[in-house]
Protein backbone atom coordinates (compact mmCIF):
# COMPACT_ATOMS: atom_id res chain seq x y z
CA MET A 1 -11.74 176.93 157.97
CA ASP A 2 -11.92 174.70 161.04
CA GLY A 3 -15.20 176.34 161.92
CA ASN A 4 -16.63 175.84 158.25
CA LEU A 5 -15.50 171.91 158.83
CA GLN A 6 -17.01 171.82 162.03
CA LEU A 7 -20.47 173.04 160.68
CA ASN A 8 -20.20 170.75 157.71
CA LYS A 9 -19.64 167.88 160.12
CA TYR A 10 -22.94 168.97 162.23
CA ALA A 11 -24.74 169.55 159.14
CA ASP A 12 -23.93 165.94 157.58
CA VAL A 13 -24.94 164.66 161.08
CA MET A 14 -28.28 166.28 161.16
CA ILE A 15 -28.91 165.38 157.43
CA GLU A 16 -28.45 161.79 158.28
CA GLU A 17 -30.58 161.80 161.49
CA ILE A 18 -33.42 163.68 159.66
CA SER A 19 -33.20 161.50 156.78
CA SER A 20 -33.70 158.55 159.07
CA VAL A 21 -36.55 160.18 160.82
CA ILE A 22 -38.32 160.95 157.49
CA SER A 23 -37.75 157.50 156.08
CA THR A 24 -39.25 155.90 159.19
CA ALA A 25 -42.20 158.20 159.05
CA ARG A 26 -42.76 157.19 155.44
CA ASN A 27 -42.52 153.55 156.00
CA ASN A 28 -44.90 153.75 159.08
CA ALA A 29 -47.46 155.86 156.99
CA PHE A 30 -47.09 153.33 153.99
CA TYR A 31 -47.98 150.46 156.44
CA ALA A 32 -50.57 152.38 158.25
CA VAL A 33 -52.31 153.17 155.12
CA ASN A 34 -51.73 149.75 153.58
CA ASN A 35 -53.23 148.01 156.95
CA GLU A 36 -56.21 150.16 156.80
CA LEU A 37 -56.81 149.25 153.13
CA LEU A 38 -56.38 145.73 153.82
CA MET A 39 -58.71 145.72 156.61
CA ALA A 40 -61.50 147.58 154.68
CA TYR A 41 -61.24 145.04 151.90
CA TRP A 42 -61.45 142.33 154.63
CA ASN A 43 -64.64 143.78 156.10
CA ILE A 44 -66.25 144.36 152.78
CA GLY A 45 -65.70 140.73 151.89
CA GLY A 46 -66.99 139.76 155.42
CA ILE A 47 -70.24 142.06 154.59
CA ILE A 48 -70.68 140.32 151.26
CA VAL A 49 -70.33 136.67 152.73
CA GLU A 50 -72.57 137.45 155.64
CA ASN A 51 -75.38 138.80 153.45
CA GLU A 52 -75.12 135.80 151.03
CA GLN A 53 -75.41 133.34 153.73
CA ASN A 54 -78.18 135.01 155.52
CA GLY A 55 -80.02 135.23 152.19
CA ASN A 56 -78.98 131.63 151.06
CA VAL A 57 -77.97 133.24 147.90
CA ASN A 58 -77.34 130.81 144.97
CA ALA A 59 -74.25 131.38 142.50
CA GLU A 60 -76.20 132.98 139.97
CA TYR A 61 -77.98 135.48 141.94
CA GLY A 62 -74.70 136.21 143.85
CA LYS A 63 -72.99 137.04 140.55
CA TYR A 64 -75.89 139.33 139.89
CA THR A 65 -75.81 141.05 143.18
CA LEU A 66 -71.96 141.60 143.00
CA LEU A 67 -72.55 143.50 139.57
CA HIS A 68 -74.91 145.83 140.80
CA LEU A 69 -72.88 146.39 144.28
CA SER A 70 -69.87 147.27 142.02
CA LYS A 71 -71.84 149.63 140.03
CA ASP A 72 -73.27 151.37 142.95
CA LEU A 73 -69.93 151.56 144.91
CA THR A 74 -68.11 152.83 141.98
CA LYS A 75 -70.59 155.67 141.56
CA LEU A 76 -70.04 156.69 145.26
CA PHE A 77 -66.17 155.89 145.78
CA GLY A 78 -64.66 155.65 142.16
CA LYS A 79 -62.33 152.90 141.03
CA GLY A 80 -61.13 149.69 142.77
CA PHE A 81 -64.76 148.23 143.16
CA SER A 82 -65.13 146.15 139.99
CA ARG A 83 -66.91 142.70 140.27
CA SER A 84 -63.81 140.88 140.00
CA ASN A 85 -62.28 143.13 142.86
CA LEU A 86 -65.33 142.56 145.11
CA PHE A 87 -65.24 138.67 144.24
CA ALA A 88 -61.51 138.92 145.29
CA MET A 89 -62.58 140.56 148.77
CA LYS A 90 -65.17 137.97 149.13
CA LYS A 91 -62.36 135.23 148.68
CA PHE A 92 -59.95 137.09 151.00
CA TYR A 93 -62.34 137.12 153.80
CA LEU A 94 -63.06 133.49 153.26
CA LEU A 95 -59.55 132.45 153.09
CA TYR A 96 -58.52 134.65 156.03
CA PRO A 97 -61.21 134.13 158.23
CA LYS A 98 -59.05 135.54 161.20
CA VAL A 99 -58.11 139.17 160.31
CA GLN A 100 -54.98 138.85 162.53
CA THR A 101 -53.50 136.53 160.07
CA VAL A 102 -53.31 139.31 157.31
CA SER A 103 -50.11 141.07 157.06
CA GLU A 104 -49.65 144.81 156.73
CA GLN A 105 -46.28 144.01 154.99
CA LEU A 106 -47.76 142.73 151.82
CA SER A 107 -49.92 144.83 149.66
CA TRP A 108 -53.58 144.19 148.27
CA SER A 109 -51.75 143.37 145.03
CA HIS A 110 -49.79 140.89 146.74
CA TYR A 111 -52.98 138.99 148.11
CA ILE A 112 -54.72 139.25 144.85
CA GLU A 113 -51.76 136.96 143.45
CA LEU A 114 -51.98 134.67 146.71
CA LEU A 115 -55.71 134.28 146.30
CA SER A 116 -55.09 132.37 143.07
CA ILE A 117 -53.47 129.55 145.02
CA ASN A 118 -56.07 127.22 146.41
CA ASN A 119 -53.63 124.83 148.31
CA ILE A 120 -53.37 126.22 151.74
CA ASP A 121 -49.76 125.05 152.39
CA LYS A 122 -48.73 126.19 149.03
CA ARG A 123 -50.18 129.56 149.53
CA SER A 124 -48.85 129.99 152.88
CA PHE A 125 -45.32 129.26 151.71
CA TYR A 126 -45.60 132.02 149.07
CA GLU A 127 -46.98 134.22 151.74
CA LYS A 128 -44.29 133.61 154.07
CA GLU A 129 -41.53 134.05 151.39
CA ALA A 130 -42.93 137.37 150.34
CA ILE A 131 -42.69 138.79 153.61
CA ASN A 132 -39.35 137.19 154.74
CA SER A 133 -37.64 138.09 151.28
CA ARG A 134 -39.60 141.32 150.67
CA TRP A 135 -40.69 140.37 147.34
CA SER A 136 -42.20 142.81 145.13
CA VAL A 137 -45.42 141.86 143.34
CA ARG A 138 -43.45 141.08 140.09
CA MET A 139 -41.19 138.75 142.05
CA LEU A 140 -43.95 137.11 143.75
CA LYS A 141 -45.68 136.32 140.30
CA GLU A 142 -42.48 135.21 138.87
CA GLN A 143 -41.97 132.71 141.51
CA ILE A 144 -45.33 131.26 141.30
CA SER A 145 -45.10 131.05 137.59
CA LYS A 146 -41.66 129.14 138.05
CA SER A 147 -43.28 126.78 140.66
CA LEU A 148 -40.62 127.52 143.24
CA TYR A 149 -42.80 125.61 146.02
CA GLU A 150 -42.86 122.42 143.82
CA ARG A 151 -39.05 122.50 143.03
CA LEU A 152 -38.05 123.00 146.51
CA LEU A 153 -40.01 120.00 147.57
CA LEU A 154 -38.55 117.98 144.96
CA SER A 155 -34.95 119.30 145.32
CA GLU A 156 -34.12 116.42 147.74
CA GLY A 157 -36.03 113.75 145.88
CA GLU A 158 -38.47 112.27 148.27
CA ILE A 159 -41.32 114.59 149.60
CA ASN A 160 -42.26 114.16 153.01
CA LYS A 161 -44.84 115.57 155.62
CA GLN A 162 -42.36 117.51 157.51
CA LYS A 163 -40.92 119.38 154.69
CA VAL A 164 -44.43 120.36 153.31
CA LYS A 165 -45.26 121.72 156.83
CA LYS A 166 -41.92 123.30 157.13
CA LEU A 167 -42.25 125.31 153.81
CA ALA A 168 -45.87 126.21 154.69
CA ASN A 169 -45.26 127.44 158.21
CA LYS A 170 -41.82 129.17 157.78
CA GLY A 171 -41.20 129.48 154.02
CA GLN A 172 -37.45 128.54 152.81
CA VAL A 173 -35.31 128.07 155.86
CA VAL A 174 -31.68 128.19 154.91
CA ASN A 175 -29.69 126.66 157.96
CA GLU A 176 -27.11 124.75 155.84
CA PRO A 177 -25.86 124.60 152.22
CA LYS A 178 -28.31 121.82 150.91
CA ASP A 179 -31.31 124.00 152.10
CA MET A 180 -30.45 126.53 149.27
CA ILE A 181 -30.30 124.10 146.51
CA LYS A 182 -32.93 123.90 143.68
CA GLU A 183 -33.72 121.26 141.15
CA PRO A 184 -34.07 122.59 138.50
CA TYR A 185 -32.89 126.33 138.22
CA ILE A 186 -34.94 128.07 135.63
CA PHE A 187 -33.44 130.70 133.46
CA GLU A 188 -36.59 131.76 131.59
CA PHE A 189 -35.72 135.41 132.30
CA LEU A 190 -33.03 135.05 129.38
CA GLY A 191 -35.26 134.31 126.60
CA ILE A 192 -33.42 131.59 125.18
CA LYS A 193 -35.36 128.91 123.41
CA ASN A 194 -34.84 125.42 125.11
CA ASN A 195 -33.44 124.01 121.79
CA LYS A 196 -31.09 126.94 120.68
CA PRO A 197 -27.45 125.99 121.13
CA ILE A 198 -25.51 128.69 123.26
CA LEU A 199 -21.90 128.81 124.23
CA GLU A 200 -20.84 128.58 127.90
CA LYS A 201 -19.51 132.16 127.86
CA ASP A 202 -22.50 133.48 126.35
CA LEU A 203 -24.83 131.86 128.93
CA GLU A 204 -22.54 133.32 131.61
CA LYS A 205 -22.68 136.84 130.15
CA ARG A 206 -26.46 136.67 129.69
CA LEU A 207 -26.74 135.80 133.40
CA ILE A 208 -24.57 138.68 134.48
CA ASN A 209 -26.50 140.89 132.37
CA HIS A 210 -29.79 139.78 134.12
CA ILE A 211 -28.05 139.63 137.55
CA GLU A 212 -31.03 140.82 139.46
CA ASP A 213 -33.24 137.97 137.98
CA PHE A 214 -30.46 135.69 138.57
CA LEU A 215 -29.94 136.44 142.19
CA LEU A 216 -33.88 136.00 142.78
CA GLU A 217 -33.43 132.57 141.22
CA LEU A 218 -30.64 131.68 143.31
CA GLY A 219 -32.47 132.52 146.67
CA LYS A 220 -32.09 134.35 149.80
CA GLY A 221 -28.80 136.06 150.98
CA PHE A 222 -26.95 136.13 147.85
CA MET A 223 -24.44 138.91 146.72
CA TYR A 224 -22.83 139.01 143.42
CA VAL A 225 -18.79 138.89 143.74
CA GLY A 226 -17.72 138.45 140.17
CA SER A 227 -16.96 136.07 137.08
CA GLN A 228 -14.13 134.30 135.79
CA GLN A 229 -12.35 134.76 139.11
CA ARG A 230 -8.70 133.57 138.85
CA ILE A 231 -7.43 130.70 140.91
CA PRO A 232 -3.73 130.38 140.68
CA ILE A 233 -2.38 127.01 141.69
CA GLY A 234 1.33 125.85 140.89
CA MET A 235 2.12 127.50 137.62
CA SER A 236 -1.26 127.34 136.21
CA ASN A 237 -4.39 129.65 136.31
CA TYR A 238 -7.85 128.36 136.71
CA TYR A 239 -11.01 130.37 136.32
CA VAL A 240 -14.35 129.71 138.16
CA ASP A 241 -17.27 130.94 136.31
CA MET A 242 -19.38 132.92 138.85
CA VAL A 243 -18.64 133.57 142.59
CA PHE A 244 -21.23 134.73 145.10
CA TYR A 245 -21.30 135.27 148.71
CA ASN A 246 -24.27 134.23 151.00
CA LYS A 247 -25.01 136.30 153.88
CA ILE A 248 -27.06 133.81 155.62
CA LEU A 249 -24.58 131.07 155.44
CA ASN A 250 -21.51 133.33 155.73
CA ALA A 251 -20.07 131.43 152.83
CA TYR A 252 -18.64 131.94 149.25
CA VAL A 253 -20.62 130.09 146.70
CA LEU A 254 -19.03 128.93 143.43
CA ILE A 255 -20.89 128.21 140.49
CA ASP A 256 -19.41 126.49 137.53
CA LEU A 257 -21.74 126.31 134.20
CA LYS A 258 -21.57 123.19 132.18
CA MET A 259 -23.48 122.93 128.71
CA ASP A 260 -23.55 119.32 128.86
CA GLU A 261 -24.23 116.37 130.98
CA MET A 262 -22.68 116.10 134.52
CA LYS A 263 -19.37 114.30 134.31
CA PRO A 264 -17.27 113.00 137.31
CA GLU A 265 -14.37 115.21 136.49
CA TYR A 266 -16.34 118.13 137.10
CA ALA A 267 -16.71 117.37 140.76
CA GLY A 268 -12.72 116.86 141.15
CA GLN A 269 -12.42 120.54 139.55
CA MET A 270 -14.98 121.99 141.73
CA ASN A 271 -13.34 120.32 144.98
CA MET A 272 -10.10 122.05 143.88
CA TYR A 273 -11.53 125.34 143.57
CA LEU A 274 -13.12 125.14 147.02
CA ASN A 275 -9.93 124.03 148.70
CA TYR A 276 -8.27 126.97 147.09
CA TYR A 277 -11.05 129.22 148.69
CA SER A 278 -10.77 127.49 152.10
CA THR A 279 -7.13 128.08 152.21
CA GLU A 280 -6.48 131.32 150.33
CA ILE A 281 -9.63 133.28 150.51
CA ASN A 282 -11.71 132.69 153.43
CA GLU A 283 -11.48 134.72 156.43
CA GLU A 284 -12.18 133.67 160.29
CA LYS A 285 -15.87 134.85 159.82
CA ASP A 286 -16.17 132.69 156.72
CA ASN A 287 -17.57 129.32 156.72
CA LYS A 288 -16.61 126.59 154.38
CA PRO A 289 -17.14 127.69 150.75
CA ILE A 290 -19.97 125.98 148.65
CA GLY A 291 -19.87 124.52 145.29
CA ILE A 292 -22.78 124.23 142.60
CA ILE A 293 -22.28 122.73 139.35
CA LEU A 294 -24.99 123.50 136.95
CA CYS A 295 -25.36 121.15 134.19
CA ALA A 296 -27.81 120.88 131.22
CA SER A 297 -28.48 117.51 132.50
CA LYS A 298 -27.40 114.65 134.98
CA LYS A 299 -27.46 111.10 135.85
CA ASN A 300 -28.15 110.37 139.65
CA ILE A 301 -25.95 107.36 139.77
CA VAL A 302 -23.06 109.45 138.26
CA VAL A 303 -23.55 112.29 140.62
CA GLU A 304 -23.63 109.70 143.71
CA TYR A 305 -20.24 108.16 142.73
CA ALA A 306 -18.86 111.42 141.63
CA LEU A 307 -19.55 113.33 144.87
CA GLY A 308 -19.20 110.26 147.30
CA GLY A 309 -16.43 110.86 149.73
CA ILE A 310 -15.80 114.48 148.97
CA GLU A 311 -15.87 116.34 152.40
CA ASN A 312 -16.29 119.79 150.74
CA ASN A 313 -19.76 121.47 150.03
CA VAL A 314 -20.13 120.28 146.32
CA PHE A 315 -23.81 120.12 144.93
CA THR A 316 -24.92 119.58 141.43
CA SER A 317 -28.17 120.73 139.87
CA THR A 318 -29.45 121.16 136.54
CA TYR A 319 -30.87 124.23 134.55
CA THR A 320 -33.55 124.76 131.93
CA TYR A 321 -34.52 128.00 129.93
CA TYR A 322 -38.26 127.38 130.66
CA ILE A 323 -40.39 124.87 132.50
CA PRO A 324 -41.96 122.69 129.63
CA ASN A 325 -43.84 120.39 131.74
CA LYS A 326 -45.00 122.77 134.66
CA ASP A 327 -48.30 121.17 135.03
CA ASP A 328 -46.71 117.82 135.13
CA LEU A 329 -44.48 119.04 137.87
CA ILE A 330 -47.31 120.34 140.00
CA ARG A 331 -49.35 117.28 139.34
CA GLU A 332 -46.12 115.17 140.80
CA VAL A 333 -46.10 117.04 143.96
CA GLU A 334 -49.74 117.14 144.45
CA SER A 335 -49.76 113.25 143.89
CA ALA A 336 -46.86 112.84 146.22
CA ILE A 337 -48.56 115.03 149.13
CA GLU A 338 -51.99 113.00 148.65
CA ASN A 339 -49.75 109.78 149.40
CA ILE A 340 -48.26 111.05 152.52
CA ASN A 341 -51.45 112.50 154.11
């Protein structure tokens, strides 16, 4: 019996080690193949650009050339050489003139999405975030469609040059609680019409059912702890709507959902929750908990007076079920950036 246990122990150890070797090999193989593919597409783009420049090819003739090139390459190598894909390779070369800046951690499909962004700072932000957060192509498309870049720039009100460059060079850096706050939070993934009335408990239930999408919207480092977490104080029980833990900040994040406009009493309630977590729940490794009050709307002056003097990390933001004025949001950011340049 002891011999069998010993054999099983060795078998488990070997399986774990072999699994690690295979996983590493597969990852290395993926990155190697992906890198070769990206380099090939970049070089193809370079060949197209160089030949067009040498021949001073005009736009119309360039389209004609790509069409015939597409047909010939498809006959020789099969799929992947449509005219639109060849045009993307050309743009890939032009937007990334230094091949060293191309990341093997992103696929060609990632770069196809990035090539649609003309602003260099904005494109650099999404590229850094896709790498740092290991976004799938679907996640990247979703964050672009929800204007994450613009929302982060506007989250603290005033847009300044330092913040633009910081986002472009590093992506979203979360060093302190305020760095993770967005304005507004977008719950488009719930499929709720903006004018449809819904109960707070139903909104909470839907967010839980779409927890993967909600975690993506919340941002980096979030882990779901639970909903309707009981807070017993004195002879009464209180319940915080949703609790998360942020691995980057090493802190609990408490979220209260409100279906109406921000009210001063919401700040006092959240402050009480945070005091309880600091005293009763936090362990030595944990930093001060963070509270986010998510309201349907808010007035800045109310927020200013309601949160003034509170020492805990209490923030308030709004949510919406879709971005009705996405183009206006982008124009607002573009105009602000022009004024600071």
